[in-house]
C-alpha cells in the first residue's frame, strides 16, 4: 500500500475516533466545564453522556441539596443552534423546560414549569421575608437580547406570607398572568377569591422604554397585622385600602411632556 493511502486510512481512523468521542462523550468528562456555567452550583453523581446526562445531586453554594437533574442536549449545539431539554426534581425546587437557540442573541423556551418553596431562599426584603410556594408556567417565551419579545406566562404564590420582625403576616394565595407581544410586557395580579385575607387587584406594563404599575389592596375583615403591614408599602386610605400607582423610564418623560 502506498504511503498516501496509509495516510488516508490513518486520517480516516483519527476522524472516526474524534467523531465517536464527541458522539458518546461521557458527561463526567465535562463536569468542570458544566459547573463553570452554573454560577457556583455543583453537580455530583454525574452519569450518561454530554448529550443525554444525569446528575444524582445538584448542590447549592451553601451545600443544600436542590435535587436530581436530567438533560438532553442536541448535538447541533456544536454549531450554535441546538436544543436543550432540562428537568430538575427536588424537595423544594422543581423545574422543567425546553430551550432552542435560534441565534447568538435569541432563544425560544417552551413548556416551562417552575415550583419553588420560598423557604429555600434566604433573601429578606424591606417588607419582610417571603414565604409560601411559587408556581410558574410559561407555555412559550421568545427571548432576544435577554428581553421577552413574545411571552405567555401565569403563576401563583400559594399560601403567601411574609415573616416580619413582629411576626408572620398571611396574604392568602395570589395569582398573576403576563403576556408579551413585540417586546411590550403586560400583566395582571389578583387574589384567589373571597376566602383570602387580602383583596388584591393590580396591573403592570413593562417595555424597554419604561414601566407602569397599579396596585390596590385591602384586608377582608379585621386584620390588624395585615393592616399594619400594608402601611409599610405605602399610604393607606381611611377605609384601609392601599392604592399605589407609579411609572418610570422614557414613557414617564413622554407622558409628562404631553
C-alpha atoms as a PDB file:
ATOM      1  CA  UNK A   1       0.000   0.000   0.000  1.00  0.00           C
ATOM      2  CA  UNK A   2       1.379   3.369  -0.968  1.00  0.00           C
ATOM      3  CA  UNK A   3       2.259   5.891   1.749  1.00  0.00           C
ATOM      4  CA  UNK A   4      -0.521   8.322   0.776  1.00  0.00           C
ATOM      5  CA  UNK A   5      -3.105   5.558   1.097  1.00  0.00           C
ATOM      6  CA  UNK A   6      -1.783   4.673   4.520  1.00  0.00           C
ATOM      7  CA  UNK A   7      -2.045   8.335   5.462  1.00  0.00           C
ATOM      8  CA  UNK A   8      -5.647   8.499   4.303  1.00  0.00           C
ATOM      9  CA  UNK A   9      -6.524   5.395   6.307  1.00  0.00           C
ATOM     10  CA  UNK A  10      -4.854   6.810   9.415  1.00  0.00           C
ATOM     11  CA  UNK A  11      -6.607  10.158   8.924  1.00  0.00           C
ATOM     12  CA  UNK A  12      -9.932   8.393   8.479  1.00  0.00           C
ATOM     13  CA  UNK A  13      -9.408   6.385  11.660  1.00  0.00           C
ATOM     14  CA  UNK A  14      -8.481   9.534  13.592  1.00  0.00           C
ATOM     15  CA  UNK A  15     -11.539  11.411  12.295  1.00  0.00           C
ATOM     16  CA  UNK A  16     -13.789   8.468  13.158  1.00  0.00           C
ATOM     17  CA  UNK A  17     -12.319   8.347  16.660  1.00  0.00           C
ATOM     18  CA  UNK A  18     -12.855  12.079  17.139  1.00  0.00           C
ATOM     19  CA  UNK A  19     -16.448  11.898  15.879  1.00  0.00           C
ATOM     20  CA  UNK A  20     -17.146   8.879  18.091  1.00  0.00           C
ATOM     21  CA  UNK A  21     -15.650  10.679  21.069  1.00  0.00           C
ATOM     22  CA  UNK A  22     -17.932  13.677  20.615  1.00  0.00           C
ATOM     23  CA  UNK A  23     -20.938  11.468  19.816  1.00  0.00           C
ATOM     24  CA  UNK A  24     -20.616   9.452  23.018  1.00  0.00           C
ATOM     25  CA  UNK A  25     -18.734  11.987  25.156  1.00  0.00           C
ATOM     26  CA  UNK A  26     -19.194  10.948  28.828  1.00  0.00           C
ATOM     27  CA  UNK A  27     -20.824  13.681  30.892  1.00  0.00           C
ATOM     28  CA  UNK A  28     -18.368  13.211  33.748  1.00  0.00           C
ATOM     29  CA  UNK A  29     -15.512  14.318  31.459  1.00  0.00           C
ATOM     30  CA  UNK A  30     -17.043  17.767  31.054  1.00  0.00           C
ATOM     31  CA  UNK A  31     -18.275  18.325  34.613  1.00  0.00           C
ATOM     32  CA  UNK A  32     -15.738  21.141  35.284  1.00  0.00           C
ATOM     33  CA  UNK A  33     -16.915  22.951  32.134  1.00  0.00           C
ATOM     34  CA  UNK A  34     -20.585  22.448  33.051  1.00  0.00           C
ATOM     35  CA  UNK A  35     -20.091  23.690  36.609  1.00  0.00           C
ATOM     36  CA  UNK A  36     -18.318  26.807  35.340  1.00  0.00           C
ATOM     37  CA  UNK A  37     -21.657  27.792  33.760  1.00  0.00           C
ATOM     38  CA  UNK A  38     -23.713  27.100  36.924  1.00  0.00           C
ATOM     39  CA  UNK A  39     -22.556  30.124  38.935  1.00  0.00           C
ATOM     40  CA  UNK A  40     -21.336  28.187  41.973  1.00  0.00           C
ATOM     41  CA  UNK A  41     -23.788  25.264  41.849  1.00  0.00           C
ATOM     42  CA  UNK A  42     -22.183  21.824  41.992  1.00  0.00           C
ATOM     43  CA  UNK A  43     -23.038  18.581  40.187  1.00  0.00           C
ATOM     44  CA  UNK A  44     -22.455  15.229  41.886  1.00  0.00           C
ATOM     45  CA  UNK A  45     -23.084  11.651  40.778  1.00  0.00           C
ATOM     46  CA  UNK A  46     -22.905  12.530  37.082  1.00  0.00           C
ATOM     47  CA  UNK A  47     -23.590   9.770  34.553  1.00  0.00           C
ATOM     48  CA  UNK A  48     -24.623   9.352  30.930  1.00  0.00           C
ATOM     49  CA  UNK A  49     -23.248  11.429  28.097  1.00  0.00           C
ATOM     50  CA  UNK A  50     -22.924  15.132  27.482  1.00  0.00           C
ATOM     51  CA  UNK A  51     -25.948  14.840  25.183  1.00  0.00           C
ATOM     52  CA  UNK A  52     -28.143  12.699  27.457  1.00  0.00           C
ATOM     53  CA  UNK A  53     -26.965  13.063  31.020  1.00  0.00           C
ATOM     54  CA  UNK A  54     -27.998  12.724  34.641  1.00  0.00           C
ATOM     55  CA  UNK A  55     -26.762  14.109  37.964  1.00  0.00           C
ATOM     56  CA  UNK A  56     -27.838  12.464  41.219  1.00  0.00           C
ATOM     57  CA  UNK A  57     -27.405  15.725  43.075  1.00  0.00           C
ATOM     58  CA  UNK A  58     -27.404  19.422  42.228  1.00  0.00           C
ATOM     59  CA  UNK A  59     -25.917  21.179  45.248  1.00  0.00           C
ATOM     60  CA  UNK A  60     -26.341  24.868  46.074  1.00  0.00           C
ATOM     61  CA  UNK A  61     -23.467  27.157  47.005  1.00  0.00           C
ATOM     62  CA  UNK A  62     -24.379  26.794  50.694  1.00  0.00           C
ATOM     63  CA  UNK A  63     -24.323  22.988  50.485  1.00  0.00           C
ATOM     64  CA  UNK A  64     -28.073  22.394  50.379  1.00  0.00           C
ATOM     65  CA  UNK A  65     -29.398  19.686  48.083  1.00  0.00           C
ATOM     66  CA  UNK A  66     -31.564  21.137  45.322  1.00  0.00           C
ATOM     67  CA  UNK A  67     -32.477  17.844  43.643  1.00  0.00           C
ATOM     68  CA  UNK A  68     -31.556  15.490  40.827  1.00  0.00           C
ATOM     69  CA  UNK A  69     -31.131  16.739  37.287  1.00  0.00           C
ATOM     70  CA  UNK A  70     -31.588  15.234  33.820  1.00  0.00           C
ATOM     71  CA  UNK A  71     -30.824  16.870  30.494  1.00  0.00           C
ATOM     72  CA  UNK A  72     -30.905  16.178  26.776  1.00  0.00           C
ATOM     73  CA  UNK A  73     -28.718  18.353  24.554  1.00  0.00           C
ATOM     74  CA  UNK A  74     -28.869  18.354  20.757  1.00  0.00           C
ATOM     75  CA  UNK A  75     -25.576  17.675  19.012  1.00  0.00           C
ATOM     76  CA  UNK A  76     -26.372  20.639  16.787  1.00  0.00           C
ATOM     77  CA  UNK A  77     -25.243  22.714  19.774  1.00  0.00           C
ATOM     78  CA  UNK A  78     -21.740  22.251  18.382  1.00  0.00           C
ATOM     79  CA  UNK A  79     -22.842  24.640  15.620  1.00  0.00           C
ATOM     80  CA  UNK A  80     -24.588  27.116  17.958  1.00  0.00           C
ATOM     81  CA  UNK A  81     -28.206  26.221  17.117  1.00  0.00           C
ATOM     82  CA  UNK A  82     -29.027  23.261  19.286  1.00  0.00           C
ATOM     83  CA  UNK A  83     -31.884  22.447  21.655  1.00  0.00           C
ATOM     84  CA  UNK A  84     -31.831  21.680  25.371  1.00  0.00           C
ATOM     85  CA  UNK A  85     -34.365  19.824  27.488  1.00  0.00           C
ATOM     86  CA  UNK A  86     -33.850  20.182  31.237  1.00  0.00           C
ATOM     87  CA  UNK A  87     -35.574  18.674  34.263  1.00  0.00           C
ATOM     88  CA  UNK A  88     -34.788  19.231  37.931  1.00  0.00           C
ATOM     89  CA  UNK A  89     -36.635  17.443  40.728  1.00  0.00           C
ATOM     90  CA  UNK A  90     -36.069  18.292  44.379  1.00  0.00           C
ATOM     91  CA  UNK A  91     -37.915  18.614  47.685  1.00  0.00           C
ATOM     92  CA  UNK A  92     -38.127  22.417  47.475  1.00  0.00           C
ATOM     93  CA  UNK A  93     -37.334  23.135  43.838  1.00  0.00           C
ATOM     94  CA  UNK A  94     -38.574  21.633  40.586  1.00  0.00           C
ATOM     95  CA  UNK A  95     -38.027  22.866  37.043  1.00  0.00           C
ATOM     96  CA  UNK A  96     -38.636  21.555  33.566  1.00  0.00           C
ATOM     97  CA  UNK A  97     -38.441  23.213  30.190  1.00  0.00           C
ATOM     98  CA  UNK A  98     -37.192  23.050  26.635  1.00  0.00           C
ATOM     99  CA  UNK A  99     -34.961  25.655  25.064  1.00  0.00           C
ATOM    100  CA  UNK A 100     -33.906  26.103  21.448  1.00  0.00           C
ATOM    101  CA  UNK A 101     -31.190  28.550  20.451  1.00  0.00           C
ATOM    102  CA  UNK A 102     -32.193  30.474  17.346  1.00  0.00           C
ATOM    103  CA  UNK A 103     -29.063  32.595  17.045  1.00  0.00           C
ATOM    104  CA  UNK A 104     -26.383  34.355  19.028  1.00  0.00           C
ATOM    105  CA  UNK A 105     -28.925  36.618  20.741  1.00  0.00           C
ATOM    106  CA  UNK A 106     -32.235  34.691  20.580  1.00  0.00           C
ATOM    107  CA  UNK A 107     -33.603  31.665  22.402  1.00  0.00           C
ATOM    108  CA  UNK A 108     -37.052  30.084  22.391  1.00  0.00           C
ATOM    109  CA  UNK A 109     -38.381  28.451  25.570  1.00  0.00           C
ATOM    110  CA  UNK A 110     -41.479  26.285  25.765  1.00  0.00           C
ATOM    111  CA  UNK A 111     -43.330  24.080  28.266  1.00  0.00           C
ATOM    112  CA  UNK A 112     -41.553  25.689  31.214  1.00  0.00           C
ATOM    113  CA  UNK A 113     -42.722  24.954  34.752  1.00  0.00           C
ATOM    114  CA  UNK A 114     -41.161  26.137  37.991  1.00  0.00           C
ATOM    115  CA  UNK A 115     -42.073  25.058  41.526  1.00  0.00           C
ATOM    116  CA  UNK A 116     -40.207  26.890  44.275  1.00  0.00           C
ATOM    117  CA  UNK A 117     -40.598  26.688  48.029  1.00  0.00           C
ATOM    118  CA  UNK A 118     -39.626  30.207  49.062  1.00  0.00           C
ATOM    119  CA  UNK A 119     -38.158  28.745  52.241  1.00  0.00           C
ATOM    120  CA  UNK A 120     -35.255  27.727  50.006  1.00  0.00           C
ATOM    121  CA  UNK A 121     -34.309  31.377  49.553  1.00  0.00           C
ATOM    122  CA  UNK A 122     -32.556  33.352  52.257  1.00  0.00           C
ATOM    123  CA  UNK A 123     -33.072  36.900  50.955  1.00  0.00           C
ATOM    124  CA  UNK A 124     -35.180  39.296  53.009  1.00  0.00           C
ATOM    125  CA  UNK A 125     -36.876  42.404  51.626  1.00  0.00           C
ATOM    126  CA  UNK A 126     -37.737  45.718  53.284  1.00  0.00           C
ATOM    127  CA  UNK A 127     -41.290  44.337  53.623  1.00  0.00           C
ATOM    128  CA  UNK A 128     -40.286  41.019  55.240  1.00  0.00           C
ATOM    129  CA  UNK A 129     -39.079  37.586  54.223  1.00  0.00           C
ATOM    130  CA  UNK A 130     -41.409  35.984  51.615  1.00  0.00           C
ATOM    131  CA  UNK A 131     -42.750  32.512  52.434  1.00  0.00           C
ATOM    132  CA  UNK A 132     -45.011  30.059  50.642  1.00  0.00           C
ATOM    133  CA  UNK A 133     -44.837  28.268  47.301  1.00  0.00           C
ATOM    134  CA  UNK A 134     -44.269  29.880  43.921  1.00  0.00           C
ATOM    135  CA  UNK A 135     -45.674  28.140  40.822  1.00  0.00           C
ATOM    136  CA  UNK A 136     -44.816  29.489  37.353  1.00  0.00           C
ATOM    137  CA  UNK A 137     -45.947  28.180  33.956  1.00  0.00           C
ATOM    138  CA  UNK A 138     -44.552  29.528  30.687  1.00  0.00           C
ATOM    139  CA  UNK A 139     -46.001  27.763  27.628  1.00  0.00           C
ATOM    140  CA  UNK A 140     -43.855  29.896  25.324  1.00  0.00           C
ATOM    141  CA  UNK A 141     -41.221  32.614  25.505  1.00  0.00           C
ATOM    142  CA  UNK A 142     -39.103  34.156  22.759  1.00  0.00           C
ATOM    143  CA  UNK A 143     -36.185  35.974  24.368  1.00  0.00           C
ATOM    144  CA  UNK A 144     -33.998  38.300  22.324  1.00  0.00           C
ATOM    145  CA  UNK A 145     -31.032  40.084  23.886  1.00  0.00           C
ATOM    146  CA  UNK A 146     -32.329  38.876  27.281  1.00  0.00           C
ATOM    147  CA  UNK A 147     -35.695  40.578  26.717  1.00  0.00           C
ATOM    148  CA  UNK A 148     -39.049  38.729  26.283  1.00  0.00           C
ATOM    149  CA  UNK A 149     -40.185  39.705  22.791  1.00  0.00           C
ATOM    150  CA  UNK A 150     -43.012  37.158  22.942  1.00  0.00           C
ATOM    151  CA  UNK A 151     -44.289  35.569  26.141  1.00  0.00           C
ATOM    152  CA  UNK A 152     -47.249  33.737  27.627  1.00  0.00           C
ATOM    153  CA  UNK A 153     -46.964  33.100  31.362  1.00  0.00           C
ATOM    154  CA  UNK A 154     -49.002  32.654  34.522  1.00  0.00           C
ATOM    155  CA  UNK A 155     -48.354  31.756  38.107  1.00  0.00           C
ATOM    156  CA  UNK A 156     -49.479  31.595  41.709  1.00  0.00           C
ATOM    157  CA  UNK A 157     -47.967  32.458  45.048  1.00  0.00           C
ATOM    158  CA  UNK A 158     -49.673  29.846  47.198  1.00  0.00           C
ATOM    159  CA  UNK A 159     -50.015  30.217  50.975  1.00  0.00           C
ATOM    160  CA  UNK A 160     -48.348  33.580  50.545  1.00  0.00           C
ATOM    161  CA  UNK A 161     -46.990  35.248  53.659  1.00  0.00           C
ATOM    162  CA  UNK A 162     -44.163  37.450  54.850  1.00  0.00           C
ATOM    163  CA  UNK A 163     -42.171  36.988  58.020  1.00  0.00           C
ATOM    164  CA  UNK A 164     -41.558  40.316  59.724  1.00  0.00           C
ATOM    165  CA  UNK A 165     -39.949  41.359  62.991  1.00  0.00           C
ATOM    166  CA  UNK A 166     -43.449  41.484  64.505  1.00  0.00           C
ATOM    167  CA  UNK A 167     -44.420  38.015  63.248  1.00  0.00           C
ATOM    168  CA  UNK A 168     -45.909  36.261  60.262  1.00  0.00           C
ATOM    169  CA  UNK A 169     -48.396  38.111  58.023  1.00  0.00           C
ATOM    170  CA  UNK A 170     -50.628  35.904  55.848  1.00  0.00           C
ATOM    171  CA  UNK A 171     -51.613  37.156  52.396  1.00  0.00           C
ATOM    172  CA  UNK A 172     -53.561  34.144  51.124  1.00  0.00           C
ATOM    173  CA  UNK A 173     -52.963  32.961  47.545  1.00  0.00           C
ATOM    174  CA  UNK A 174     -52.087  35.446  44.816  1.00  0.00           C
ATOM    175  CA  UNK A 175     -52.180  34.779  41.084  1.00  0.00           C
ATOM    176  CA  UNK A 176     -50.747  36.626  38.094  1.00  0.00           C
ATOM    177  CA  UNK A 177     -50.799  36.490  34.309  1.00  0.00           C
ATOM    178  CA  UNK A 178     -48.417  38.069  31.820  1.00  0.00           C
ATOM    179  CA  UNK A 179     -48.033  38.241  28.080  1.00  0.00           C
ATOM    180  CA  UNK A 180     -45.652  39.999  25.755  1.00  0.00           C
ATOM    181  CA  UNK A 181     -46.072  40.934  22.109  1.00  0.00           C
ATOM    182  CA  UNK A 182     -43.410  42.828  20.182  1.00  0.00           C
ATOM    183  CA  UNK A 183     -41.465  43.346  23.407  1.00  0.00           C
ATOM    184  CA  UNK A 184     -44.223  45.001  25.459  1.00  0.00           C
ATOM    185  CA  UNK A 185     -44.947  43.017  28.621  1.00  0.00           C
ATOM    186  CA  UNK A 186     -48.464  43.391  30.079  1.00  0.00           C
ATOM    187  CA  UNK A 187     -49.739  41.600  33.163  1.00  0.00           C
ATOM    188  CA  UNK A 188     -52.259  41.476  35.994  1.00  0.00           C
ATOM    189  CA  UNK A 189     -52.288  40.456  39.659  1.00  0.00           C
ATOM    190  CA  UNK A 190     -55.222  39.300  41.801  1.00  0.00           C
ATOM    191  CA  UNK A 191     -56.081  37.297  44.911  1.00  0.00           C
ATOM    192  CA  UNK A 192     -57.558  33.807  44.679  1.00  0.00           C
ATOM    193  CA  UNK A 193     -61.033  34.628  45.960  1.00  0.00           C
ATOM    194  CA  UNK A 194     -63.296  35.839  48.762  1.00  0.00           C
ATOM    195  CA  UNK A 195     -61.901  33.397  51.338  1.00  0.00           C
ATOM    196  CA  UNK A 196     -58.468  35.020  51.321  1.00  0.00           C
ATOM    197  CA  UNK A 197     -57.385  37.559  53.963  1.00  0.00           C
ATOM    198  CA  UNK A 198     -56.360  40.169  51.363  1.00  0.00           C
ATOM    199  CA  UNK A 199     -58.289  41.513  48.387  1.00  0.00           C
ATOM    200  CA  UNK A 200     -55.827  42.434  45.634  1.00  0.00           C
ATOM    201  CA  UNK A 201     -56.093  43.776  42.099  1.00  0.00           C
ATOM    202  CA  UNK A 202     -53.290  45.188  40.014  1.00  0.00           C
ATOM    203  CA  UNK A 203     -51.766  45.559  36.584  1.00  0.00           C
ATOM    204  CA  UNK A 204     -48.358  46.300  35.131  1.00  0.00           C
ATOM    205  CA  UNK A 205     -46.777  47.196  31.812  1.00  0.00           C
ATOM    206  CA  UNK A 206     -43.083  46.940  31.034  1.00  0.00           C
ATOM    207  CA  UNK A 207     -41.041  47.691  27.934  1.00  0.00           C
ATOM    208  CA  UNK A 208     -37.569  48.900  27.029  1.00  0.00           C
ATOM    209  CA  UNK A 209     -38.977  52.443  27.078  1.00  0.00           C
ATOM    210  CA  UNK A 210     -40.436  52.396  30.567  1.00  0.00           C
ATOM    211  CA  UNK A 211     -42.739  50.812  33.095  1.00  0.00           C
ATOM    212  CA  UNK A 212     -46.075  51.417  34.783  1.00  0.00           C
ATOM    213  CA  UNK A 213     -47.876  49.586  37.562  1.00  0.00           C
ATOM    214  CA  UNK A 214     -51.083  49.954  39.553  1.00  0.00           C
ATOM    215  CA  UNK A 215     -51.959  48.089  42.758  1.00  0.00           C
ATOM    216  CA  UNK A 216     -54.958  48.153  45.081  1.00  0.00           C
ATOM    217  CA  UNK A 217     -55.136  46.027  48.227  1.00  0.00           C
ATOM    218  CA  UNK A 218     -57.430  45.944  51.254  1.00  0.00           C
ATOM    219  CA  UNK A 219     -57.830  43.396  54.094  1.00  0.00           C
ATOM    220  CA  UNK A 220     -61.011  41.360  54.296  1.00  0.00           C
ATOM    221  CA  UNK A 221     -62.472  41.773  57.746  1.00  0.00           C
ATOM    222  CA  UNK A 222     -60.466  42.782  60.778  1.00  0.00           C
ATOM    223  CA  UNK A 223     -56.788  42.032  60.120  1.00  0.00           C
ATOM    224  CA  UNK A 224     -54.660  44.295  62.368  1.00  0.00           C
ATOM    225  CA  UNK A 225     -51.292  42.705  61.480  1.00  0.00           C
ATOM    226  CA  UNK A 226     -52.076  42.802  57.779  1.00  0.00           C
ATOM    227  CA  UNK A 227     -53.282  46.396  58.000  1.00  0.00           C
ATOM    228  CA  UNK A 228     -50.035  47.452  59.704  1.00  0.00           C
ATOM    229  CA  UNK A 229     -48.001  45.636  57.052  1.00  0.00           C
ATOM    230  CA  UNK A 230     -49.803  47.478  54.248  1.00  0.00           C
ATOM    231  CA  UNK A 231     -48.688  50.814  55.727  1.00  0.00           C
ATOM    232  CA  UNK A 232     -45.082  49.741  55.060  1.00  0.00           C
ATOM    233  CA  UNK A 233     -45.845  49.533  51.348  1.00  0.00           C
ATOM    234  CA  UNK A 234     -47.407  52.974  51.103  1.00  0.00           C
ATOM    235  CA  UNK A 235     -50.093  55.367  52.401  1.00  0.00           C
ATOM    236  CA  UNK A 236     -53.368  53.686  53.341  1.00  0.00           C
ATOM    237  CA  UNK A 237     -56.737  55.408  52.892  1.00  0.00           C
ATOM    238  CA  UNK A 238     -59.244  55.919  55.715  1.00  0.00           C
ATOM    239  CA  UNK A 239     -61.131  52.763  54.687  1.00  0.00           C
ATOM    240  CA  UNK A 240     -57.928  50.698  54.942  1.00  0.00           C
ATOM    241  CA  UNK A 241     -57.243  50.467  51.196  1.00  0.00           C
ATOM    242  CA  UNK A 242     -53.715  50.704  49.850  1.00  0.00           C
ATOM    243  CA  UNK A 243     -53.528  52.303  46.403  1.00  0.00           C
ATOM    244  CA  UNK A 244     -50.232  52.520  44.526  1.00  0.00           C
ATOM    245  CA  UNK A 245     -49.504  53.717  41.019  1.00  0.00           C
ATOM    246  CA  UNK A 246     -46.132  54.602  39.536  1.00  0.00           C
ATOM    247  CA  UNK A 247     -44.448  54.870  36.172  1.00  0.00           C
ATOM    248  CA  UNK A 248     -40.872  55.390  35.099  1.00  0.00           C
ATOM    249  CA  UNK A 249     -38.425  55.468  32.203  1.00  0.00           C
ATOM    250  CA  UNK A 250     -38.858  57.170  28.861  1.00  0.00           C
ATOM    251  CA  UNK A 251     -42.614  56.502  28.994  1.00  0.00           C
ATOM    252  CA  UNK A 252     -42.902  58.795  32.029  1.00  0.00           C
ATOM    253  CA  UNK A 253     -40.961  61.563  30.288  1.00  0.00           C
ATOM    254  CA  UNK A 254     -43.187  61.329  27.219  1.00  0.00           C
ATOM    255  CA  UNK A 255     -46.356  61.446  29.360  1.00  0.00           C
ATOM    256  CA  UNK A 256     -45.030  64.435  31.299  1.00  0.00           C
ATOM    257  CA  UNK A 257     -44.359  66.405  28.118  1.00  0.00           C
ATOM    258  CA  UNK A 258     -47.772  65.748  26.549  1.00  0.00           C
END
